[in-house]
Amino acid sequence: MVSAAPTDPAIRDAATVIVIRRDPDPAVLMGQRGAAAVFMPDKFVFPGGRVEDCDAGLPGPALPDAQTKALSNESLRPPRDLACAAIRELYEETGQILGTPAPWPDAPPPWQAFAATGHHPDPQTLRYFFRAVTPQGRPRRFDARFFLAEAEDLASDPDDFATADGELSHLRWIPLPSVRDLDLPFITQVALRELIAHLADPQAPLSIPYFRNDDERHLVTRLGGKSPI
């Protein structure tokens, strides 16, 4: 974990999902944060949020070994907990389900609405893609892991946002060429640049960019080695 400056708020684990819809052309699922939000007000963002204790030890399929390895030593929390947090945030903020059908009568309260859909969280198709730490001086700081998901793997209608919790407004699939016209956080712009490069050459080995904001320099490193974007 990255350490915080003495005057900064504690850095909390977070998880974000970039859902890609490829038909007819690549688009990503985004929504707009409210004007009164403490963190990134008015910005268009991917679904995501803080990892909670309720994301630990949940039923459902395991995180694939390759993803577990990629996330190892990233947090005191088990890798699957990070992925499950991404799934929970996706459901809460958009109503979209990454899950496998199964009864779940004893789900913890934050997961009960998800469980009522008749699913367990299923991280099997998530792909760890990007990591970033919120800069110093912000009211909230997060160590965020970004995951890629495919719209075709959703267990829900990708155009139905009726059960979204309202934290994000203007939920929609945004074609990649149009994303640059939105009011985006800087780190979202960086993640999108990585995504576009990946989609242009999907056969290239996927190394995981790590955008560090833990000092006065803004550095981008790749886990397992250093390289500029």
Protein backbone atom coordinates (compact mmCIF):
# COMPACT_ATOMS: atom_id res chain seq x y z
CA MET A 1 0.00 0.00 0.00
CA VAL A 2 1.09 3.59 -0.64
CA SER A 3 1.54 5.64 2.52
CA ALA A 4 -0.27 8.94 3.06
CA ALA A 5 1.27 12.21 4.18
CA PRO A 6 0.54 13.02 7.86
CA THR A 7 -2.06 15.68 6.96
CA ASP A 8 -3.76 13.62 4.26
CA PRO A 9 -6.79 11.39 4.78
CA ALA A 10 -6.12 7.67 4.91
CA ILE A 11 -5.77 5.97 1.54
CA ARG A 12 -8.56 3.44 1.12
CA ASP A 13 -8.78 0.47 -1.23
CA ALA A 14 -11.17 1.01 -4.13
CA ALA A 15 -12.29 -0.89 -7.21
CA THR A 16 -13.59 0.33 -10.56
CA VAL A 17 -15.06 -1.47 -13.58
CA ILE A 18 -14.60 -0.47 -17.22
CA VAL A 19 -17.33 -2.35 -19.08
CA ILE A 20 -16.72 -2.57 -22.83
CA ARG A 21 -19.51 -3.03 -25.35
CA ARG A 22 -18.12 -3.97 -28.75
CA ASP A 23 -21.23 -4.16 -30.95
CA PRO A 24 -21.45 -2.35 -33.27
CA ASP A 25 -18.45 -0.24 -32.21
CA PRO A 26 -16.47 -0.09 -28.94
CA ALA A 27 -18.28 1.85 -26.20
CA VAL A 28 -17.84 2.11 -22.43
CA LEU A 29 -20.39 2.41 -19.62
CA MET A 30 -20.11 5.72 -17.76
CA GLY A 31 -22.19 8.07 -15.64
CA GLN A 32 -21.90 11.54 -14.13
CA ARG A 33 -21.25 12.21 -10.46
CA GLY A 34 -23.46 14.76 -8.75
CA ALA A 35 -22.53 18.41 -8.33
CA ALA A 36 -22.58 18.01 -4.53
CA ALA A 37 -20.28 14.98 -4.45
CA VAL A 38 -17.20 15.43 -2.29
CA PHE A 39 -15.09 13.34 -4.65
CA MET A 40 -14.93 14.34 -8.34
CA PRO A 41 -18.15 16.39 -8.52
CA ASP A 42 -19.79 16.70 -11.96
CA LYS A 43 -17.22 14.37 -13.56
CA PHE A 44 -18.07 11.48 -15.84
CA VAL A 45 -16.60 8.29 -14.39
CA PHE A 46 -16.68 4.52 -14.58
CA PRO A 47 -18.69 2.67 -11.91
CA GLY A 48 -16.63 2.09 -8.80
CA GLY A 49 -16.04 2.87 -5.16
CA ARG A 50 -14.52 1.86 -1.87
CA VAL A 51 -13.81 -1.76 -0.93
CA GLU A 52 -15.84 -2.69 2.15
CA ASP A 53 -15.60 -5.43 4.76
CA CYS A 54 -18.82 -6.90 3.33
CA ASP A 55 -16.88 -7.81 0.16
CA ALA A 56 -14.85 -10.46 2.00
CA GLY A 57 -15.42 -14.20 1.87
CA LEU A 58 -18.44 -14.15 -0.43
CA PRO A 59 -19.86 -17.23 -2.17
CA GLY A 60 -19.45 -17.72 -5.89
CA PRO A 61 -16.75 -18.64 -8.40
CA ALA A 62 -13.10 -18.01 -7.63
CA LEU A 63 -11.02 -15.27 -9.16
CA PRO A 64 -8.87 -16.87 -11.89
CA ASP A 65 -5.30 -17.69 -10.86
CA ALA A 66 -3.77 -15.22 -13.33
CA GLN A 67 -5.81 -12.36 -11.89
CA THR A 68 -5.11 -13.45 -8.32
CA LYS A 69 -1.40 -13.39 -9.10
CA ALA A 70 -1.61 -9.97 -10.74
CA LEU A 71 -3.35 -8.54 -7.66
CA SER A 72 -1.13 -10.25 -5.10
CA ASN A 73 0.76 -7.97 -2.68
CA GLU A 74 -1.42 -5.01 -3.77
CA SER A 75 -3.46 -4.85 -0.60
CA LEU A 76 -3.92 -6.45 2.79
CA ARG A 77 -7.27 -7.61 1.43
CA PRO A 78 -7.47 -10.84 -0.60
CA PRO A 79 -7.53 -10.27 -4.37
CA ARG A 80 -11.05 -11.70 -4.75
CA ASP A 81 -12.39 -9.13 -2.28
CA LEU A 82 -11.16 -6.33 -4.55
CA ALA A 83 -12.88 -7.93 -7.54
CA CYS A 84 -16.12 -8.48 -5.60
CA ALA A 85 -16.13 -4.82 -4.55
CA ALA A 86 -15.97 -3.89 -8.24
CA ILE A 87 -18.96 -6.15 -8.94
CA ARG A 88 -20.95 -4.67 -6.05
CA GLU A 89 -20.23 -1.09 -7.10
CA LEU A 90 -21.19 -1.92 -10.69
CA TYR A 91 -24.53 -3.26 -9.53
CA GLU A 92 -25.25 -0.44 -7.08
CA GLU A 93 -24.42 2.36 -9.50
CA THR A 94 -25.76 0.91 -12.76
CA GLY A 95 -27.97 -2.10 -11.95
CA GLN A 96 -25.75 -4.31 -14.12
CA ILE A 97 -24.96 -7.82 -12.88
CA LEU A 98 -21.74 -9.77 -13.13
CA GLY A 99 -22.92 -12.93 -11.46
CA THR A 100 -23.70 -16.60 -11.69
CA PRO A 101 -27.24 -17.88 -10.90
CA ALA A 102 -27.48 -19.23 -7.35
CA PRO A 103 -29.65 -18.65 -4.26
CA TRP A 104 -28.07 -16.44 -1.59
CA PRO A 105 -30.43 -16.17 1.40
CA ASP A 106 -27.81 -14.96 3.91
CA ALA A 107 -26.18 -12.16 1.91
CA PRO A 108 -24.79 -9.29 4.02
CA PRO A 109 -26.95 -6.12 3.90
CA PRO A 110 -24.95 -4.24 1.22
CA TRP A 111 -25.29 -7.30 -1.04
CA GLN A 112 -28.94 -8.14 -0.41
CA ALA A 113 -30.30 -6.30 -3.45
CA PHE A 114 -27.75 -8.08 -5.63
CA ALA A 115 -28.64 -11.43 -3.99
CA ALA A 116 -32.33 -10.76 -4.67
CA THR A 117 -31.56 -10.97 -8.39
CA GLY A 118 -30.72 -14.64 -7.81
CA HIS A 119 -26.95 -14.40 -8.32
CA HIS A 120 -23.63 -14.83 -6.58
CA PRO A 121 -20.84 -12.44 -7.60
CA ASP A 122 -18.79 -13.93 -10.42
CA PRO A 123 -15.33 -12.40 -11.01
CA GLN A 124 -14.23 -15.04 -13.52
CA THR A 125 -14.35 -12.71 -16.52
CA LEU A 126 -12.89 -9.64 -14.84
CA ARG A 127 -9.43 -8.63 -15.99
CA TYR A 128 -7.20 -6.47 -13.80
CA PHE A 129 -6.13 -3.57 -15.97
CA PHE A 130 -4.97 -0.41 -14.21
CA ARG A 131 -4.08 1.00 -10.79
CA ALA A 132 -4.03 4.59 -9.56
CA VAL A 133 -3.64 6.47 -6.28
CA THR A 134 -5.47 9.74 -5.63
CA PRO A 135 -3.09 12.72 -5.34
CA GLN A 136 -2.24 14.32 -2.01
CA GLY A 137 -4.36 17.22 -0.88
CA ARG A 138 -7.68 15.71 -1.94
CA PRO A 139 -10.53 15.35 0.61
CA ARG A 140 -10.57 11.60 -0.04
CA ARG A 141 -7.80 9.36 -1.27
CA PHE A 142 -8.10 5.94 -2.86
CA ASP A 143 -5.81 3.20 -4.08
CA ALA A 144 -8.03 2.16 -6.98
CA ARG A 145 -7.81 -1.00 -9.07
CA PHE A 146 -9.51 -0.86 -12.46
CA PHE A 147 -10.96 -4.02 -13.96
CA LEU A 148 -12.08 -4.69 -17.52
CA ALA A 149 -15.37 -6.46 -18.17
CA GLU A 150 -17.22 -7.33 -21.37
CA ALA A 151 -20.87 -6.35 -21.84
CA GLU A 152 -21.55 -9.81 -23.25
CA ASP A 153 -20.66 -11.29 -19.85
CA LEU A 154 -23.31 -9.30 -17.99
CA ALA A 155 -26.17 -11.37 -16.58
CA SER A 156 -28.50 -8.38 -17.12
CA ASP A 157 -29.90 -6.24 -19.91
CA PRO A 158 -27.05 -3.82 -20.69
CA ASP A 159 -29.55 -1.06 -21.51
CA ASP A 160 -31.59 -1.39 -18.31
CA PHE A 161 -30.46 0.99 -15.55
CA ALA A 162 -33.78 1.00 -13.68
CA THR A 163 -32.32 -0.38 -10.42
CA ALA A 164 -29.29 1.94 -10.30
CA ASP A 165 -28.98 3.74 -6.95
CA GLY A 166 -28.79 7.23 -8.45
CA GLU A 167 -25.22 7.99 -7.44
CA LEU A 168 -24.39 8.33 -11.15
CA SER A 169 -26.72 10.18 -13.50
CA HIS A 170 -26.81 10.15 -17.31
CA LEU A 171 -25.80 6.48 -17.37
CA ARG A 172 -25.11 5.41 -20.92
CA TRP A 173 -22.83 3.57 -23.30
CA ILE A 174 -20.45 6.14 -24.74
CA PRO A 175 -18.63 5.38 -28.03
CA LEU A 176 -14.89 5.66 -27.47
CA PRO A 177 -14.44 8.50 -30.02
CA SER A 178 -17.01 10.56 -28.07
CA VAL A 179 -15.55 10.05 -24.60
CA ARG A 180 -13.02 12.84 -25.05
CA ASP A 181 -15.89 15.34 -25.28
CA LEU A 182 -16.95 14.64 -21.67
CA ASP A 183 -15.78 16.31 -18.46
CA LEU A 184 -13.44 13.56 -17.24
CA PRO A 185 -11.11 13.29 -14.25
CA PHE A 186 -7.49 13.29 -15.34
CA ILE A 187 -6.93 9.73 -14.17
CA THR A 188 -9.94 8.56 -16.19
CA GLN A 189 -8.36 10.12 -19.26
CA VAL A 190 -5.15 8.17 -18.55
CA ALA A 191 -7.06 4.90 -18.11
CA LEU A 192 -8.97 5.50 -21.35
CA ARG A 193 -5.74 6.12 -23.22
CA GLU A 194 -4.48 2.76 -21.99
CA LEU A 195 -7.76 1.12 -22.98
CA ILE A 196 -7.68 2.54 -26.49
CA ALA A 197 -4.09 1.35 -26.93
CA HIS A 198 -5.07 -2.11 -25.69
CA LEU A 199 -8.05 -2.36 -28.04
CA ALA A 200 -5.86 -1.30 -30.97
CA ASP A 201 -3.48 -4.19 -30.28
CA PRO A 202 -5.32 -6.77 -28.15
CA GLN A 203 -2.71 -9.47 -28.82
CA ALA A 204 0.06 -7.44 -27.18
CA PRO A 205 1.03 -8.61 -23.69
CA LEU A 206 -1.00 -6.69 -21.13
CA SER A 207 1.19 -5.09 -18.49
CA ILE A 208 -0.62 -3.22 -15.75
CA PRO A 209 -0.06 0.55 -15.59
CA TYR A 210 0.31 1.96 -12.09
CA PHE A 211 -0.27 5.71 -11.85
CA ARG A 212 1.34 6.91 -8.64
CA ASN A 213 0.44 10.19 -7.00
CA ASP A 214 2.18 9.61 -3.68
CA ASP A 215 4.72 12.39 -4.09
CA GLU A 216 5.02 15.72 -5.89
CA ARG A 217 5.89 14.01 -9.16
CA HIS A 218 3.19 12.27 -11.18
CA LEU A 219 4.77 8.97 -12.15
CA VAL A 220 3.47 6.15 -14.25
CA THR A 221 5.06 2.76 -13.70
CA ARG A 222 4.11 -0.71 -14.80
CA LEU A 223 3.87 -3.37 -12.14
CA GLY A 224 6.89 -5.59 -12.40
CA GLY A 225 9.00 -2.91 -14.09
CA LYS A 226 9.14 0.77 -14.95
CA SER A 227 8.12 2.20 -18.28
CA PRO A 228 6.52 5.46 -19.35
CA ILE A 229 3.14 5.32 -21.00
